């Protein structure tokens, strides 16, 4: 079995590659999106995954993998938006966007290493459907925090929830790609 670190890095390499290609196609048009819009976009993707996991018939021939990749990339875009603020215009060139992506990726990876150590790789025994439900729960939390103008009393904030969403989606992709 490959190590979690190698599997994680392989998944993130694929996600960043798609982000890079979409940046070349569309530029940083996503920079105009408010955080609530990005949260809703991620929510739609997570709901679609849940639907794919529960429905027998599919009308669109795309599976869970591209949706989990979308969740990761939109979550990193949201984290970049938190860091830089929303822009009125696409204001990042490809190199700037990739540098911001990689900075967020590093923070999330370090968090995964710390939590994975403490939890003893418990995610390996989880089902992809449970990871999907956890992503949806985190999104519900983010929506509530957004409704509270970004304020919490005792809970972790929006960024921490996005970090966890990325890590849960990476774990789901590792399960789906069966890296053993």
N, C-alpha and C. Protein backbone atom coordinates (compact mmCIF):
# COMPACT_ATOMS: atom_id res chain seq x y z
N UNK A 1 0.85 -1.17 0.00
CA UNK A 1 0.00 0.00 0.00
C UNK A 1 0.90 1.24 0.00
N UNK A 2 0.57 2.20 -0.85
CA UNK A 2 1.31 3.45 -0.88
C UNK A 2 1.02 4.26 0.38
N UNK A 3 1.97 5.06 0.77
CA UNK A 3 1.77 5.89 1.95
C UNK A 3 0.71 6.96 1.68
N UNK A 4 0.08 7.38 2.75
CA UNK A 4 -0.92 8.43 2.64
C UNK A 4 -0.34 9.67 1.99
N UNK A 5 0.88 10.03 2.37
CA UNK A 5 1.50 11.23 1.81
C UNK A 5 1.62 11.14 0.29
N UNK A 6 2.08 10.00 -0.23
CA UNK A 6 2.23 9.85 -1.68
C UNK A 6 0.88 9.84 -2.38
N UNK A 7 -0.09 9.16 -1.80
CA UNK A 7 -1.42 9.12 -2.39
C UNK A 7 -2.03 10.52 -2.41
N UNK A 8 -1.90 11.22 -1.29
CA UNK A 8 -2.43 12.57 -1.16
C UNK A 8 -1.81 13.48 -2.22
N UNK A 9 -0.50 13.43 -2.33
CA UNK A 9 0.21 14.28 -3.29
C UNK A 9 -0.17 13.95 -4.73
N UNK A 10 -0.42 12.68 -5.01
CA UNK A 10 -0.85 12.29 -6.35
C UNK A 10 -2.22 12.87 -6.68
N UNK A 11 -3.15 12.78 -5.73
CA UNK A 11 -4.48 13.36 -5.93
C UNK A 11 -4.37 14.87 -6.15
N UNK A 12 -3.61 15.54 -5.29
CA UNK A 12 -3.50 16.99 -5.39
C UNK A 12 -2.79 17.42 -6.67
N UNK A 13 -1.88 16.62 -7.15
CA UNK A 13 -1.21 16.92 -8.44
C UNK A 13 -2.25 16.93 -9.56
N UNK A 14 -3.16 15.97 -9.54
CA UNK A 14 -4.23 15.91 -10.56
C UNK A 14 -5.17 17.11 -10.43
N UNK A 15 -5.52 17.46 -9.19
CA UNK A 15 -6.42 18.60 -8.97
C UNK A 15 -5.77 19.90 -9.44
N UNK A 16 -4.50 20.09 -9.10
CA UNK A 16 -3.79 21.31 -9.50
C UNK A 16 -3.61 21.36 -11.01
N UNK A 17 -3.41 20.22 -11.64
CA UNK A 17 -3.28 20.18 -13.09
C UNK A 17 -4.57 20.67 -13.76
N UNK A 18 -5.71 20.21 -13.26
CA UNK A 18 -6.99 20.67 -13.81
C UNK A 18 -7.19 22.15 -13.54
N UNK A 19 -6.87 22.62 -12.34
CA UNK A 19 -6.96 24.03 -12.00
C UNK A 19 -6.11 24.85 -12.98
N UNK A 20 -4.91 24.40 -13.24
CA UNK A 20 -3.99 25.07 -14.18
C UNK A 20 -4.62 25.16 -15.57
N UNK A 21 -5.17 24.06 -16.05
CA UNK A 21 -5.77 24.05 -17.39
C UNK A 21 -6.99 24.97 -17.46
N UNK A 22 -7.81 24.95 -16.40
CA UNK A 22 -8.99 25.83 -16.39
C UNK A 22 -8.57 27.30 -16.31
N UNK A 23 -7.48 27.57 -15.59
CA UNK A 23 -6.96 28.94 -15.55
C UNK A 23 -6.54 29.38 -16.95
N UNK A 24 -5.95 28.47 -17.72
CA UNK A 24 -5.54 28.81 -19.07
C UNK A 24 -6.76 29.05 -19.97
N UNK A 25 -7.82 28.30 -19.73
CA UNK A 25 -9.04 28.48 -20.53
C UNK A 25 -9.83 29.73 -20.13
N UNK A 26 -9.99 29.94 -18.83
CA UNK A 26 -10.91 30.96 -18.33
C UNK A 26 -10.23 32.12 -17.60
N UNK A 27 -8.93 32.03 -17.36
CA UNK A 27 -8.28 33.03 -16.54
C UNK A 27 -8.80 32.94 -15.11
N UNK A 28 -8.65 34.01 -14.38
CA UNK A 28 -9.08 34.00 -12.98
C UNK A 28 -10.49 34.60 -12.83
N UNK A 29 -11.37 34.24 -13.75
CA UNK A 29 -12.75 34.74 -13.69
C UNK A 29 -13.43 34.41 -12.37
N UNK A 30 -13.00 33.35 -11.72
CA UNK A 30 -13.55 32.95 -10.42
C UNK A 30 -13.29 33.98 -9.33
N UNK A 31 -12.36 34.89 -9.55
CA UNK A 31 -12.01 35.89 -8.54
C UNK A 31 -13.17 36.85 -8.23
N UNK A 32 -14.15 36.93 -9.11
CA UNK A 32 -15.30 37.81 -8.85
C UNK A 32 -16.35 37.15 -7.96
N UNK A 33 -16.20 35.86 -7.70
CA UNK A 33 -17.20 35.13 -6.92
C UNK A 33 -17.08 35.44 -5.43
N UNK A 34 -18.22 35.76 -4.85
CA UNK A 34 -18.27 35.95 -3.41
C UNK A 34 -18.16 34.59 -2.73
N UNK A 35 -17.74 34.62 -1.48
CA UNK A 35 -17.54 33.38 -0.74
C UNK A 35 -18.82 32.54 -0.69
N UNK A 36 -19.95 33.20 -0.52
CA UNK A 36 -21.22 32.46 -0.46
C UNK A 36 -21.50 31.74 -1.77
N UNK A 37 -21.11 32.33 -2.89
CA UNK A 37 -21.32 31.69 -4.19
C UNK A 37 -20.43 30.46 -4.34
N UNK A 38 -19.20 30.57 -3.86
CA UNK A 38 -18.30 29.40 -3.90
C UNK A 38 -18.82 28.30 -2.98
N UNK A 39 -19.30 28.67 -1.82
CA UNK A 39 -19.89 27.68 -0.91
C UNK A 39 -21.05 26.96 -1.59
N UNK A 40 -21.91 27.71 -2.26
CA UNK A 40 -23.04 27.10 -2.96
C UNK A 40 -22.57 26.19 -4.09
N UNK A 41 -21.53 26.58 -4.81
CA UNK A 41 -21.01 25.74 -5.89
C UNK A 41 -20.49 24.41 -5.34
N UNK A 42 -19.79 24.48 -4.23
CA UNK A 42 -19.28 23.25 -3.59
C UNK A 42 -20.44 22.40 -3.09
N UNK A 43 -21.45 23.06 -2.53
CA UNK A 43 -22.63 22.36 -2.03
C UNK A 43 -23.33 21.59 -3.16
N UNK A 44 -23.46 22.23 -4.32
CA UNK A 44 -24.09 21.57 -5.47
C UNK A 44 -23.31 20.31 -5.85
N UNK A 45 -22.00 20.41 -5.86
CA UNK A 45 -21.17 19.25 -6.21
C UNK A 45 -21.32 18.13 -5.18
N UNK A 46 -21.32 18.49 -3.91
CA UNK A 46 -21.47 17.48 -2.86
C UNK A 46 -22.85 16.83 -2.91
N UNK A 47 -23.89 17.62 -3.19
CA UNK A 47 -25.24 17.07 -3.33
C UNK A 47 -25.31 16.12 -4.53
N UNK A 48 -24.63 16.48 -5.61
CA UNK A 48 -24.63 15.61 -6.79
C UNK A 48 -23.95 14.27 -6.45
N UNK A 49 -22.85 14.34 -5.72
CA UNK A 49 -22.17 13.10 -5.32
C UNK A 49 -23.11 12.25 -4.48
N UNK A 50 -23.77 12.86 -3.54
CA UNK A 50 -24.70 12.11 -2.69
C UNK A 50 -25.81 11.48 -3.54
N UNK A 51 -26.30 12.24 -4.52
CA UNK A 51 -27.30 11.69 -5.43
C UNK A 51 -26.77 10.51 -6.23
N UNK A 52 -25.54 10.62 -6.71
CA UNK A 52 -24.93 9.52 -7.45
C UNK A 52 -24.79 8.28 -6.57
N UNK A 53 -24.54 8.50 -5.28
CA UNK A 53 -24.36 7.38 -4.36
C UNK A 53 -25.67 6.72 -3.96
N UNK A 54 -26.79 7.44 -4.13
CA UNK A 54 -28.06 6.89 -3.67
C UNK A 54 -29.03 6.53 -4.79
N UNK A 55 -28.87 7.12 -5.97
CA UNK A 55 -29.79 6.86 -7.08
C UNK A 55 -29.29 5.70 -7.93
N UNK A 56 -30.23 4.96 -8.45
CA UNK A 56 -29.88 3.82 -9.29
C UNK A 56 -29.60 4.29 -10.72
N UNK A 57 -30.38 5.23 -11.21
CA UNK A 57 -30.26 5.72 -12.59
C UNK A 57 -29.49 7.02 -12.63
N UNK A 58 -28.59 7.12 -13.61
CA UNK A 58 -27.83 8.35 -13.84
C UNK A 58 -28.21 8.90 -15.20
N UNK A 59 -28.45 10.19 -15.28
CA UNK A 59 -28.80 10.82 -16.55
C UNK A 59 -27.64 11.57 -17.17
N UNK A 60 -26.60 11.83 -16.39
CA UNK A 60 -25.39 12.48 -16.89
C UNK A 60 -24.24 11.51 -16.66
N UNK A 61 -23.46 11.26 -17.71
CA UNK A 61 -22.41 10.26 -17.64
C UNK A 61 -21.11 10.83 -17.06
N UNK A 62 -21.20 11.29 -15.83
CA UNK A 62 -20.01 11.70 -15.08
C UNK A 62 -20.15 11.13 -13.69
N UNK A 63 -19.05 10.64 -13.16
CA UNK A 63 -19.09 10.00 -11.86
C UNK A 63 -18.67 10.92 -10.73
N UNK A 64 -18.34 10.31 -9.63
CA UNK A 64 -17.99 11.03 -8.42
C UNK A 64 -16.63 11.71 -8.50
N UNK A 65 -15.70 11.10 -9.21
CA UNK A 65 -14.32 11.60 -9.22
C UNK A 65 -14.22 13.05 -9.68
N UNK A 66 -14.81 13.43 -10.83
CA UNK A 66 -14.69 14.84 -11.21
C UNK A 66 -15.38 15.80 -10.24
N UNK A 67 -16.42 15.33 -9.56
CA UNK A 67 -17.11 16.18 -8.59
C UNK A 67 -16.25 16.40 -7.34
N UNK A 68 -15.57 15.35 -6.87
CA UNK A 68 -14.67 15.52 -5.73
C UNK A 68 -13.50 16.44 -6.09
N UNK A 69 -12.99 16.31 -7.31
CA UNK A 69 -11.93 17.21 -7.76
C UNK A 69 -12.45 18.65 -7.76
N UNK A 70 -13.67 18.85 -8.24
CA UNK A 70 -14.27 20.18 -8.22
C UNK A 70 -14.42 20.72 -6.81
N UNK A 71 -14.80 19.87 -5.87
CA UNK A 71 -14.92 20.30 -4.47
C UNK A 71 -13.57 20.78 -3.96
N UNK A 72 -12.52 20.05 -4.26
CA UNK A 72 -11.19 20.45 -3.82
C UNK A 72 -10.80 21.80 -4.43
N UNK A 73 -10.95 21.92 -5.74
CA UNK A 73 -10.51 23.15 -6.39
C UNK A 73 -11.35 24.36 -5.99
N UNK A 74 -12.66 24.20 -5.89
CA UNK A 74 -13.49 25.33 -5.45
C UNK A 74 -13.20 25.69 -3.99
N UNK A 75 -12.90 24.71 -3.16
CA UNK A 75 -12.56 25.00 -1.76
C UNK A 75 -11.26 25.79 -1.68
N UNK A 76 -10.30 25.44 -2.50
CA UNK A 76 -9.04 26.19 -2.50
C UNK A 76 -9.28 27.59 -3.06
N UNK A 77 -10.13 27.73 -4.06
CA UNK A 77 -10.49 29.06 -4.55
C UNK A 77 -11.12 29.88 -3.42
N UNK A 78 -11.99 29.26 -2.64
CA UNK A 78 -12.64 29.97 -1.52
C UNK A 78 -11.59 30.42 -0.51
N UNK A 79 -10.63 29.57 -0.22
CA UNK A 79 -9.57 29.95 0.72
C UNK A 79 -8.73 31.10 0.18
N UNK A 80 -8.49 31.09 -1.12
CA UNK A 80 -7.77 32.20 -1.75
C UNK A 80 -8.60 33.48 -1.64
N UNK A 81 -9.91 33.37 -1.85
CA UNK A 81 -10.78 34.53 -1.73
C UNK A 81 -10.76 35.09 -0.31
N UNK A 82 -10.74 34.21 0.68
CA UNK A 82 -10.66 34.67 2.07
C UNK A 82 -9.36 35.43 2.28
N UNK A 83 -8.29 34.90 1.74
CA UNK A 83 -6.97 35.53 1.92
C UNK A 83 -6.85 36.85 1.17
N UNK A 84 -7.29 36.88 -0.09
CA UNK A 84 -7.08 38.06 -0.93
C UNK A 84 -8.28 39.01 -0.96
N UNK A 85 -9.43 38.50 -0.61
CA UNK A 85 -10.65 39.28 -0.77
C UNK A 85 -11.19 39.10 -2.19
N UNK A 86 -12.46 39.36 -2.35
CA UNK A 86 -13.10 39.24 -3.66
C UNK A 86 -12.67 40.41 -4.53
N UNK A 87 -12.48 40.12 -5.81
CA UNK A 87 -12.06 41.15 -6.75
C UNK A 87 -13.22 41.50 -7.68
N UNK A 88 -13.24 42.72 -8.15
CA UNK A 88 -14.26 43.13 -9.13
C UNK A 88 -13.94 42.62 -10.52
N UNK A 89 -12.68 42.25 -10.73
CA UNK A 89 -12.22 41.78 -12.05
C UNK A 89 -11.26 40.61 -11.86
N UNK A 90 -11.15 39.76 -12.88
CA UNK A 90 -10.12 38.73 -12.82
C UNK A 90 -8.74 39.39 -12.73
N UNK A 91 -8.07 39.22 -11.61
CA UNK A 91 -6.86 40.00 -11.36
C UNK A 91 -5.60 39.17 -11.12
N UNK A 92 -5.70 37.87 -11.26
CA UNK A 92 -4.53 37.03 -11.07
C UNK A 92 -4.11 36.40 -12.39
N UNK A 93 -2.82 36.49 -12.68
CA UNK A 93 -2.33 35.75 -13.84
C UNK A 93 -2.10 34.30 -13.41
N UNK A 94 -1.72 33.46 -14.34
CA UNK A 94 -1.58 32.03 -14.07
C UNK A 94 -0.58 31.77 -12.95
N UNK A 95 0.58 32.40 -13.00
CA UNK A 95 1.60 32.17 -11.97
C UNK A 95 1.13 32.60 -10.59
N UNK A 96 0.49 33.76 -10.50
CA UNK A 96 -0.02 34.24 -9.21
C UNK A 96 -1.08 33.28 -8.66
N UNK A 97 -1.97 32.83 -9.54
CA UNK A 97 -3.02 31.92 -9.10
C UNK A 97 -2.43 30.61 -8.61
N UNK A 98 -1.47 30.08 -9.35
CA UNK A 98 -0.84 28.82 -8.95
C UNK A 98 -0.06 28.98 -7.64
N UNK A 99 0.61 30.11 -7.46
CA UNK A 99 1.32 30.35 -6.21
C UNK A 99 0.35 30.39 -5.03
N UNK A 100 -0.79 31.05 -5.21
CA UNK A 100 -1.81 31.09 -4.16
C UNK A 100 -2.39 29.69 -3.91
N UNK A 101 -2.63 28.95 -4.98
CA UNK A 101 -3.15 27.58 -4.86
C UNK A 101 -2.17 26.74 -4.04
N UNK A 102 -0.90 26.80 -4.40
CA UNK A 102 0.12 26.00 -3.73
C UNK A 102 0.29 26.40 -2.26
N UNK A 103 0.15 27.67 -1.95
CA UNK A 103 0.24 28.11 -0.56
C UNK A 103 -0.90 27.50 0.27
N UNK A 104 -2.11 27.51 -0.28
CA UNK A 104 -3.24 26.90 0.43
C UNK A 104 -3.07 25.38 0.52
N UNK A 105 -2.61 24.79 -0.56
CA UNK A 105 -2.39 23.34 -0.60
C UNK A 105 -1.41 22.92 0.50
N UNK A 106 -0.38 23.70 0.70
CA UNK A 106 0.63 23.39 1.73
C UNK A 106 0.02 23.43 3.14
N UNK A 107 -0.76 24.45 3.41
CA UNK A 107 -1.42 24.58 4.72
C UNK A 107 -2.32 23.37 4.97
N UNK A 108 -3.10 23.00 3.96
CA UNK A 108 -4.05 21.89 4.10
C UNK A 108 -3.31 20.57 4.26
N UNK A 109 -2.23 20.39 3.53
CA UNK A 109 -1.43 19.16 3.62
C UNK A 109 -0.84 19.01 5.02
N UNK A 110 -0.29 20.09 5.57
CA UNK A 110 0.28 20.04 6.91
C UNK A 110 -0.79 19.69 7.95
N UNK A 111 -1.98 20.25 7.78
CA UNK A 111 -3.09 19.92 8.67
C UNK A 111 -3.43 18.43 8.57
N UNK A 112 -3.49 17.93 7.34
CA UNK A 112 -3.79 16.51 7.15
C UNK A 112 -2.76 15.65 7.86
N UNK A 113 -1.48 15.97 7.73
CA UNK A 113 -0.44 15.18 8.37
C UNK A 113 -0.63 15.15 9.89
N UNK A 114 -0.92 16.31 10.47
CA UNK A 114 -1.12 16.39 11.92
C UNK A 114 -2.35 15.59 12.37
N UNK A 115 -3.47 15.81 11.68
CA UNK A 115 -4.70 15.11 12.08
C UNK A 115 -4.59 13.61 11.79
N UNK A 116 -3.97 13.27 10.67
CA UNK A 116 -3.83 11.85 10.32
C UNK A 116 -2.99 11.14 11.37
N UNK A 117 -1.99 11.81 11.89
CA UNK A 117 -1.18 11.24 12.97
C UNK A 117 -2.03 11.00 14.21
N UNK A 118 -2.78 12.02 14.60
CA UNK A 118 -3.59 11.93 15.81
C UNK A 118 -4.74 10.93 15.69
N UNK A 119 -5.35 10.84 14.52
CA UNK A 119 -6.49 9.95 14.32
C UNK A 119 -6.09 8.56 13.84
N UNK A 120 -4.81 8.34 13.58
CA UNK A 120 -4.35 7.00 13.21
C UNK A 120 -4.92 6.49 11.90
N UNK A 121 -5.05 7.36 10.93
CA UNK A 121 -5.56 6.99 9.60
C UNK A 121 -6.94 6.35 9.66
N UNK A 122 -7.78 6.82 10.55
CA UNK A 122 -9.14 6.29 10.68
C UNK A 122 -9.93 6.42 9.38
N UNK A 123 -9.61 7.41 8.55
CA UNK A 123 -10.32 7.62 7.30
C UNK A 123 -10.24 6.40 6.38
N UNK A 124 -9.20 5.60 6.53
CA UNK A 124 -9.05 4.42 5.66
C UNK A 124 -10.17 3.41 5.89
N UNK A 125 -10.77 3.42 7.07
CA UNK A 125 -11.87 2.51 7.38
C UNK A 125 -13.23 3.13 7.14
N UNK A 126 -13.24 4.36 6.64
CA UNK A 126 -14.51 5.04 6.37
C UNK A 126 -14.98 4.75 4.95
N UNK A 127 -16.27 4.83 4.76
CA UNK A 127 -16.86 4.70 3.44
C UNK A 127 -16.83 6.05 2.73
N UNK A 128 -16.80 6.02 1.41
CA UNK A 128 -16.85 7.25 0.62
C UNK A 128 -18.15 7.99 0.93
N UNK A 129 -19.23 7.26 1.13
CA UNK A 129 -20.52 7.91 1.45
C UNK A 129 -20.44 8.67 2.77
N UNK A 130 -19.70 8.16 3.74
CA UNK A 130 -19.53 8.88 5.00
C UNK A 130 -18.70 10.14 4.81
N UNK A 131 -17.67 10.06 3.98
CA UNK A 131 -16.86 11.25 3.69
C UNK A 131 -17.72 12.31 2.98
N UNK A 132 -18.61 11.85 2.10
CA UNK A 132 -19.53 12.77 1.42
C UNK A 132 -20.42 13.47 2.44
N UNK A 133 -20.97 12.69 3.38
CA UNK A 133 -21.84 13.27 4.41
C UNK A 133 -21.09 14.27 5.28
N UNK A 134 -19.84 13.97 5.59
CA UNK A 134 -19.03 14.90 6.38
C UNK A 134 -18.78 16.20 5.62
N UNK A 135 -18.56 16.09 4.32
CA UNK A 135 -18.38 17.29 3.49
C UNK A 135 -19.66 18.12 3.52
N UNK A 136 -20.80 17.47 3.36
CA UNK A 136 -22.08 18.19 3.40
C UNK A 136 -22.31 18.84 4.76
N UNK A 137 -21.95 18.14 5.83
CA UNK A 137 -22.10 18.71 7.17
C UNK A 137 -21.21 19.95 7.31
N UNK A 138 -19.97 19.86 6.85
CA UNK A 138 -19.06 21.02 6.92
C UNK A 138 -19.63 22.19 6.11
N UNK A 139 -20.22 21.89 4.97
CA UNK A 139 -20.81 22.95 4.16
C UNK A 139 -21.99 23.60 4.86
N UNK A 140 -22.80 22.80 5.55
CA UNK A 140 -23.91 23.36 6.34
C UNK A 140 -23.37 24.28 7.43
N UNK A 141 -22.25 23.88 8.03
CA UNK A 141 -21.62 24.72 9.04
C UNK A 141 -21.15 26.04 8.43
N UNK A 142 -20.50 25.93 7.27
CA UNK A 142 -20.01 27.15 6.60
C UNK A 142 -21.17 28.07 6.28
N UNK A 143 -22.27 27.51 5.77
CA UNK A 143 -23.44 28.35 5.45
C UNK A 143 -23.97 29.05 6.69
N UNK A 144 -23.98 28.34 7.82
CA UNK A 144 -24.46 28.95 9.06
C UNK A 144 -23.51 30.06 9.52
N UNK A 145 -22.23 29.81 9.43
CA UNK A 145 -21.25 30.84 9.80
C UNK A 145 -21.38 32.05 8.87
N UNK A 146 -21.58 31.80 7.58
CA UNK A 146 -21.80 32.91 6.64
C UNK A 146 -23.06 33.69 7.01
N UNK A 147 -24.11 32.98 7.42
CA UNK A 147 -25.35 33.65 7.84
C UNK A 147 -25.12 34.47 9.12
N UNK A 148 -24.13 34.08 9.91
CA UNK A 148 -23.76 34.81 11.13
C UNK A 148 -22.67 35.85 10.86
N UNK A 149 -22.57 36.29 9.62
CA UNK A 149 -21.56 37.29 9.22
C UNK A 149 -20.14 36.85 9.51
N UNK A 150 -19.89 35.54 9.44
CA UNK A 150 -18.54 35.01 9.61
C UNK A 150 -18.11 34.84 11.05
N UNK A 151 -19.00 35.08 11.98
CA UNK A 151 -18.64 35.03 13.40
C UNK A 151 -19.07 33.69 14.02
N UNK A 152 -18.21 33.20 14.92
CA UNK A 152 -18.54 32.02 15.71
C UNK A 152 -18.31 32.37 17.18
N UNK A 153 -18.92 31.60 18.06
CA UNK A 153 -18.75 31.82 19.49
C UNK A 153 -17.64 30.92 20.03
N UNK A 154 -17.75 29.63 19.77
CA UNK A 154 -16.75 28.69 20.27
C UNK A 154 -16.21 27.75 19.18
N UNK A 155 -16.76 27.83 18.00
CA UNK A 155 -16.43 26.87 16.95
C UNK A 155 -15.33 27.39 16.03
N UNK A 156 -14.73 26.46 15.32
CA UNK A 156 -13.73 26.86 14.32
C UNK A 156 -14.43 27.62 13.20
N UNK A 157 -13.68 28.41 12.49
CA UNK A 157 -14.26 29.28 11.48
C UNK A 157 -14.37 28.64 10.11
N UNK A 158 -14.67 29.47 9.15
CA UNK A 158 -14.89 29.02 7.78
C UNK A 158 -13.65 28.35 7.19
N UNK A 159 -12.48 28.95 7.39
CA UNK A 159 -11.26 28.38 6.81
C UNK A 159 -11.03 26.95 7.26
N UNK A 160 -11.18 26.70 8.55
CA UNK A 160 -10.96 25.35 9.08
C UNK A 160 -11.92 24.35 8.44
N UNK A 161 -13.14 24.77 8.21
CA UNK A 161 -14.11 23.87 7.57
C UNK A 161 -13.71 23.58 6.13
N UNK A 162 -13.25 24.60 5.40
CA UNK A 162 -12.77 24.36 4.04
C UNK A 162 -11.56 23.45 4.02
N UNK A 163 -10.66 23.60 4.99
CA UNK A 163 -9.50 22.71 5.07
C UNK A 163 -9.97 21.27 5.21
N UNK A 164 -10.91 21.04 6.12
CA UNK A 164 -11.42 19.68 6.33
C UNK A 164 -12.13 19.16 5.08
N UNK A 165 -12.88 20.02 4.40
CA UNK A 165 -13.58 19.60 3.18
C UNK A 165 -12.58 19.10 2.15
N UNK A 166 -11.50 19.83 1.96
CA UNK A 166 -10.47 19.40 1.00
C UNK A 166 -9.92 18.04 1.42
N UNK A 167 -9.57 17.90 2.69
CA UNK A 167 -8.98 16.64 3.12
C UNK A 167 -9.96 15.47 2.99
N UNK A 168 -11.23 15.67 3.31
CA UNK A 168 -12.21 14.60 3.14
C UNK A 168 -12.35 14.22 1.67
N UNK A 169 -12.34 15.22 0.79
CA UNK A 169 -12.45 14.94 -0.65
C UNK A 169 -11.22 14.20 -1.17
N UNK A 170 -10.06 14.57 -0.68
CA UNK A 170 -8.84 13.84 -1.08
C UNK A 170 -8.94 12.39 -0.63
N UNK A 171 -9.35 12.17 0.61
CA UNK A 171 -9.49 10.80 1.11
C UNK A 171 -10.49 10.01 0.27
N UNK A 172 -11.60 10.64 -0.10
CA UNK A 172 -12.59 9.96 -0.95
C UNK A 172 -11.96 9.58 -2.29
N UNK A 173 -11.19 10.49 -2.87
CA UNK A 173 -10.55 10.18 -4.16
C UNK A 173 -9.53 9.05 -4.02
N UNK A 174 -8.82 9.02 -2.92
CA UNK A 174 -7.88 7.91 -2.69
C UNK A 174 -8.66 6.60 -2.65
N UNK A 175 -9.78 6.58 -1.93
CA UNK A 175 -10.61 5.37 -1.89
C UNK A 175 -11.13 5.00 -3.29
N UNK A 176 -11.61 5.98 -4.02
CA UNK A 176 -12.20 5.71 -5.34
C UNK A 176 -11.17 5.25 -6.37
N UNK A 177 -9.96 5.76 -6.24
CA UNK A 177 -8.93 5.36 -7.20
C UNK A 177 -8.22 4.09 -6.79
N UNK A 178 -8.46 3.63 -5.57
CA UNK A 178 -7.91 2.37 -5.08
C UNK A 178 -6.41 2.29 -5.35
N UNK A 179 -5.64 3.04 -4.62
CA UNK A 179 -4.19 3.14 -4.81
C UNK A 179 -3.39 1.98 -4.24
N UNK A 180 -4.03 0.92 -3.84
CA UNK A 180 -3.26 -0.20 -3.23
C UNK A 180 -2.38 -0.90 -4.22
